[in-house]
Amino acid sequence: THAETGFGYIEKGPALNADACQVARFVEKPDAITA
């Protein structure tokens, strides 16, 4: 993978069950340092 500033991403939170996780936060198009 590589740093991408053109797309946002979802940060995974704690597991809800074997098939799903909570969303911790959504990051909208981060800058190059954050990405």
N, C-alpha and C. Protein backbone atom coordinates (compact mmCIF):
# COMPACT_ATOMS: atom_id res chain seq x y z
N THR A 1 0.84 -1.19 0.00
CA THR A 1 0.00 0.00 0.00
C THR A 1 0.88 1.24 0.00
N HIS A 2 0.25 2.37 -0.19
CA HIS A 2 0.99 3.63 -0.19
C HIS A 2 0.09 4.75 0.34
N ALA A 3 0.70 5.82 0.75
CA ALA A 3 -0.06 6.97 1.25
C ALA A 3 -0.90 7.55 0.12
N GLU A 4 -2.15 7.85 0.41
CA GLU A 4 -3.06 8.40 -0.60
C GLU A 4 -3.79 9.59 -0.02
N THR A 5 -3.68 10.73 -0.67
CA THR A 5 -4.35 11.93 -0.18
C THR A 5 -5.66 12.22 -0.90
N GLY A 6 -5.97 11.45 -1.93
CA GLY A 6 -7.19 11.69 -2.71
C GLY A 6 -8.42 10.99 -2.19
N PHE A 7 -8.26 10.14 -1.19
CA PHE A 7 -9.38 9.38 -0.65
C PHE A 7 -9.39 9.46 0.87
N GLY A 8 -10.57 9.44 1.45
CA GLY A 8 -10.69 9.34 2.90
C GLY A 8 -10.58 7.88 3.30
N TYR A 9 -10.57 7.62 4.59
CA TYR A 9 -10.52 6.24 5.05
C TYR A 9 -11.28 6.09 6.36
N ILE A 10 -11.65 4.86 6.66
CA ILE A 10 -12.37 4.52 7.89
C ILE A 10 -11.38 3.88 8.84
N GLU A 11 -11.31 4.39 10.06
CA GLU A 11 -10.47 3.79 11.09
C GLU A 11 -11.33 2.80 11.88
N LYS A 12 -10.89 1.56 11.91
CA LYS A 12 -11.64 0.48 12.56
C LYS A 12 -11.64 0.64 14.07
N GLY A 13 -12.80 0.42 14.66
CA GLY A 13 -12.94 0.45 16.11
C GLY A 13 -13.01 -0.97 16.66
N PRO A 14 -13.56 -1.13 17.86
CA PRO A 14 -13.64 -2.45 18.48
C PRO A 14 -14.58 -3.40 17.72
N ALA A 15 -14.30 -4.68 17.84
CA ALA A 15 -15.15 -5.69 17.20
C ALA A 15 -16.51 -5.73 17.87
N LEU A 16 -17.56 -5.82 17.03
CA LEU A 16 -18.92 -5.99 17.54
C LEU A 16 -19.26 -7.47 17.66
N ASN A 17 -18.76 -8.24 16.68
CA ASN A 17 -18.91 -9.69 16.67
C ASN A 17 -17.86 -10.24 15.70
N ALA A 18 -17.98 -11.49 15.31
CA ALA A 18 -16.97 -12.10 14.44
C ALA A 18 -16.97 -11.50 13.03
N ASP A 19 -18.07 -10.84 12.65
CA ASP A 19 -18.20 -10.35 11.28
C ASP A 19 -18.19 -8.83 11.12
N ALA A 20 -18.19 -8.08 12.21
CA ALA A 20 -18.32 -6.63 12.10
C ALA A 20 -17.54 -5.90 13.18
N CYS A 21 -17.11 -4.69 12.84
CA CYS A 21 -16.43 -3.82 13.79
C CYS A 21 -17.14 -2.47 13.83
N GLN A 22 -16.98 -1.79 14.93
CA GLN A 22 -17.46 -0.43 15.04
C GLN A 22 -16.54 0.48 14.23
N VAL A 23 -17.05 1.62 13.81
CA VAL A 23 -16.22 2.62 13.14
C VAL A 23 -15.72 3.59 14.21
N ALA A 24 -14.40 3.73 14.33
CA ALA A 24 -13.83 4.65 15.31
C ALA A 24 -13.95 6.08 14.80
N ARG A 25 -13.62 6.27 13.51
CA ARG A 25 -13.75 7.60 12.90
C ARG A 25 -13.54 7.49 11.40
N PHE A 26 -13.99 8.52 10.70
CA PHE A 26 -13.75 8.63 9.27
C PHE A 26 -12.81 9.80 9.05
N VAL A 27 -11.74 9.59 8.30
CA VAL A 27 -10.78 10.66 8.01
C VAL A 27 -10.99 11.09 6.56
N GLU A 28 -11.36 12.33 6.36
CA GLU A 28 -11.65 12.86 5.03
C GLU A 28 -10.37 13.37 4.37
N LYS A 29 -9.97 12.74 3.29
CA LYS A 29 -8.82 13.15 2.47
C LYS A 29 -7.68 13.75 3.29
N PRO A 30 -6.90 12.92 3.95
CA PRO A 30 -5.81 13.41 4.81
C PRO A 30 -4.68 14.06 4.00
N ASP A 31 -3.90 14.90 4.68
CA ASP A 31 -2.72 15.47 4.03
C ASP A 31 -1.65 14.39 3.92
N ALA A 32 -0.58 14.65 3.21
CA ALA A 32 0.45 13.64 2.95
C ALA A 32 1.10 13.13 4.23
N ILE A 33 1.30 13.97 5.22
CA ILE A 33 1.93 13.53 6.47
C ILE A 33 1.02 12.57 7.23
N THR A 34 -0.28 12.88 7.29
CA THR A 34 -1.23 12.02 7.99
C THR A 34 -1.45 10.72 7.24
N ALA A 35 -1.52 10.80 5.91
CA ALA A 35 -1.76 9.60 5.10
C ALA A 35 -0.59 8.65 5.24
